[in-house]
Protein backbone atom coordinates (compact mmCIF):
# COMPACT_ATOMS: atom_id res chain seq x y z
CA MET A 1 115.48 109.95 120.47
CA LYS A 2 116.55 111.63 117.24
CA VAL A 3 116.23 109.49 114.10
CA ASP A 4 118.55 109.73 111.12
CA ALA A 5 115.82 110.67 108.64
CA THR A 6 118.06 110.25 105.61
CA ARG A 7 118.48 106.47 106.41
CA ASN A 8 115.06 105.77 107.96
CA GLN A 9 112.58 108.13 106.34
CA VAL A 10 110.48 105.40 104.73
CA ILE A 11 110.45 103.36 107.93
CA LEU A 12 108.98 106.34 109.78
CA LEU A 13 105.76 105.75 107.82
CA HIS A 14 105.41 102.16 109.12
CA PRO A 15 103.62 100.05 110.23
CA ARG A 16 101.83 99.58 106.93
CA HIS A 17 99.04 97.22 105.99
CA ALA A 18 100.64 94.18 104.38
CA VAL A 19 98.86 92.62 101.39
CA LEU A 20 99.56 89.87 98.90
CA VAL A 21 99.40 90.94 95.32
CA THR A 22 98.91 88.34 92.65
CA CYS A 23 99.53 88.70 89.01
CA ARG A 24 99.87 86.54 85.89
CA GLY A 25 102.17 86.78 82.96
CA ARG A 26 101.15 86.26 79.29
CA ASP A 27 102.47 82.69 79.62
CA GLY A 28 99.80 81.96 82.20
CA ARG A 29 102.18 81.68 85.19
CA ASP A 30 100.85 83.16 88.41
CA ASN A 31 102.97 84.90 90.99
CA ILE A 32 102.53 86.42 94.43
CA ILE A 33 104.37 89.36 95.95
CA ALA A 34 104.00 90.75 99.49
CA VAL A 35 103.44 94.45 99.43
CA SER A 36 103.18 97.01 102.18
CA TRP A 37 103.23 100.04 99.90
CA CYS A 38 99.57 99.83 98.93
CA THR A 39 97.09 102.60 99.24
CA PRO A 40 93.55 103.65 98.14
CA LEU A 41 93.62 106.62 95.81
CA SER A 42 90.08 107.46 94.73
CA ARG A 43 86.40 106.31 95.23
CA LYS A 44 85.16 107.47 91.83
CA PRO A 45 86.57 105.69 89.99
CA PRO A 46 87.83 103.27 92.61
CA LEU A 47 91.59 103.32 92.33
CA VAL A 48 94.30 101.54 94.34
CA GLY A 49 98.02 102.14 94.09
CA ILE A 50 100.90 99.62 94.66
CA SER A 51 104.67 100.38 94.56
CA ILE A 52 106.94 97.77 93.30
CA ALA A 53 110.69 97.87 92.42
CA PRO A 54 111.48 97.10 88.74
CA LYS A 55 113.90 94.25 89.84
CA ARG A 56 111.02 92.28 91.20
CA PHE A 57 109.58 89.47 89.03
CA SER A 58 106.02 90.62 89.69
CA HIS A 59 106.79 94.11 88.32
CA GLY A 60 107.44 92.67 84.82
CA LEU A 61 104.30 90.47 85.04
CA ILE A 62 102.13 93.47 86.01
CA ARG A 63 103.71 95.63 83.34
CA GLU A 64 103.00 93.05 80.57
CA SER A 65 99.50 91.99 81.71
CA GLY A 66 98.21 95.33 82.96
CA GLU A 67 96.42 93.76 85.95
CA PHE A 68 96.76 92.60 89.44
CA ILE A 69 94.72 91.42 92.44
CA VAL A 70 95.25 92.88 96.05
CA ASN A 71 94.53 89.98 98.44
CA ILE A 72 93.94 90.87 102.14
CA PRO A 73 95.72 88.32 104.49
CA THR A 74 95.44 87.90 108.16
CA MET A 75 97.92 86.94 110.89
CA GLU A 76 96.86 83.25 110.41
CA ILE A 77 99.01 83.13 107.22
CA LEU A 78 101.85 85.42 108.37
CA GLU A 79 104.69 82.99 107.64
CA ARG A 80 103.39 82.38 104.11
CA LEU A 81 103.05 86.12 103.54
CA HIS A 82 106.70 86.66 104.61
CA TYR A 83 107.79 83.84 102.41
CA CYS A 84 106.16 85.57 99.42
CA GLY A 85 108.07 88.71 100.27
CA THR A 86 111.42 87.08 100.56
CA HIS A 87 111.46 84.61 97.69
CA SER A 88 111.41 85.24 93.98
CA GLY A 89 108.77 84.02 91.65
CA ARG A 90 111.52 83.59 89.07
CA ASP A 91 112.80 80.68 91.15
CA VAL A 92 109.73 79.16 92.85
CA ASP A 93 106.01 78.70 92.34
CA LYS A 94 104.82 80.53 95.49
CA PHE A 95 101.21 79.21 95.20
CA GLU A 96 102.69 75.75 95.43
CA ALA A 97 105.45 76.42 97.97
CA CYS A 98 102.95 78.12 100.33
CA GLY A 99 100.08 75.69 99.82
CA PHE A 100 97.78 78.48 98.67
CA THR A 101 94.56 77.68 96.91
CA LYS A 102 94.00 79.54 93.56
CA LEU A 103 90.62 81.19 92.97
CA PRO A 104 90.01 82.20 89.38
CA GLY A 105 89.90 86.00 88.90
CA ARG A 106 86.40 87.16 88.20
CA LYS A 107 87.36 90.05 85.97
CA VAL A 108 91.19 89.64 85.50
CA LYS A 109 93.24 86.64 84.40
CA ALA A 110 95.32 86.50 87.59
CA SER A 111 94.42 84.13 90.42
CA ALA A 112 93.14 85.30 93.88
CA ILE A 113 94.32 83.62 97.13
CA ALA A 114 91.45 81.65 98.76
CA GLU A 115 93.14 81.92 102.10
CA CYS A 116 92.83 85.73 102.12
CA ILE A 117 89.70 87.32 103.40
CA ALA A 118 89.12 89.96 100.72
CA HIS A 119 90.19 90.70 97.11
CA LEU A 120 90.45 93.79 94.89
CA GLU A 121 90.81 92.88 91.17
CA CYS A 122 92.49 95.83 89.41
CA LYS A 123 93.31 96.87 85.81
CA VAL A 124 96.33 99.14 85.53
CA VAL A 125 95.29 102.60 84.37
CA LYS A 126 98.57 104.32 84.87
CA SER A 127 102.13 103.59 85.99
CA VAL A 128 104.44 106.22 87.39
CA GLU A 129 108.24 105.90 87.73
CA ALA A 130 108.88 106.98 91.30
CA GLY A 131 112.54 106.75 92.20
CA ASP A 132 113.57 103.21 92.60
CA HIS A 133 109.94 101.94 92.36
CA THR A 134 107.10 101.98 89.87
CA PHE A 135 103.79 103.10 91.26
CA PHE A 136 101.06 101.05 89.53
CA ILE A 137 97.54 102.70 89.72
CA GLY A 138 94.84 100.13 89.30
CA GLU A 139 91.12 100.68 88.81
CA VAL A 140 89.20 98.23 90.96
CA VAL A 141 87.00 96.26 88.61
CA GLU A 142 85.80 93.69 91.17
CA ALA A 143 85.84 93.52 94.94
CA TYR A 144 84.70 90.74 97.24
CA ALA A 145 85.19 89.52 100.79
CA ASP A 146 84.53 86.33 102.74
CA GLU A 147 81.10 86.16 104.39
CA GLY A 148 81.13 87.49 107.89
CA VAL A 149 84.20 89.76 107.61
CA PHE A 150 82.43 92.73 106.07
CA ASP A 151 79.38 94.50 107.71
CA GLY A 152 78.39 96.43 104.54
CA ALA A 153 80.33 99.50 105.48
CA TYR A 154 83.65 98.19 107.05
CA LEU A 155 85.77 95.18 107.36
CA LYS A 156 85.19 94.07 111.00
CA PRO A 157 88.56 94.72 112.73
CA GLU A 158 87.33 93.44 116.06
CA ASP A 159 87.05 89.92 114.32
CA ILE A 160 90.06 90.11 112.06
CA ARG A 161 93.82 90.14 112.87
CA PHE A 162 95.20 92.25 110.01
CA VAL A 163 98.88 92.08 109.22
CA PHE A 164 100.96 95.33 109.48
CA HIS A 165 104.56 95.40 108.34
CA LEU A 166 107.01 97.18 110.67
CA GLY A 167 110.01 96.69 108.37
CA GLY A 168 112.35 93.77 107.65
CA ASN A 169 110.95 90.59 109.25
CA ALA A 170 108.85 92.43 111.89
CA TYR A 171 105.08 92.51 111.85
CA THR A 172 102.25 93.49 114.17
CA THR A 173 98.52 93.34 114.13
CA ASN A 174 95.59 95.68 114.89
CA ILE A 175 94.49 96.21 118.41
CA SER A 176 91.26 94.51 119.49
CA GLU A 177 89.63 97.72 120.62
CA VAL A 178 87.65 99.51 118.00
CA ARG A 179 86.49 103.08 118.51
CA ARG A 180 84.11 104.77 116.17
CA VAL A 181 83.59 108.53 116.48
């Protein structure tokens, strides 16, 4: 089947790992945005990039605070993740609406999400205007995971049902078979 690449070019790169990014404005208000355009960029220094449209409420909060947290969710909180991607923090407190527990950031002011299994606290070192999105590059200043989900080298995919975004309201998870070569 031939795909119209002009309309679907970005979707051809899916599924993408879905994460919940938390941020806090100068007024102390926390927000959460669901992001599937998130990628590691460097080990030394540890850098992570997230792509967010300027019209999103979180975009302004990250721009003004210069920091964010990448929270790694599992399929167990899929409905809440989707809610965070389809509702604006301008209109609703997503922590409250989703019943998420706030964990104080260890090195940043934003709150982490206790219901997520791992967290990367980041300070923005650069932002790049990229078409209709801004690509925020964050240096990871703190990283931590729940006990038992990390074996010292890898998150344990055989024990975790990660969330992958297919596009729109469709999601999938990792397969249970793990092969290491």
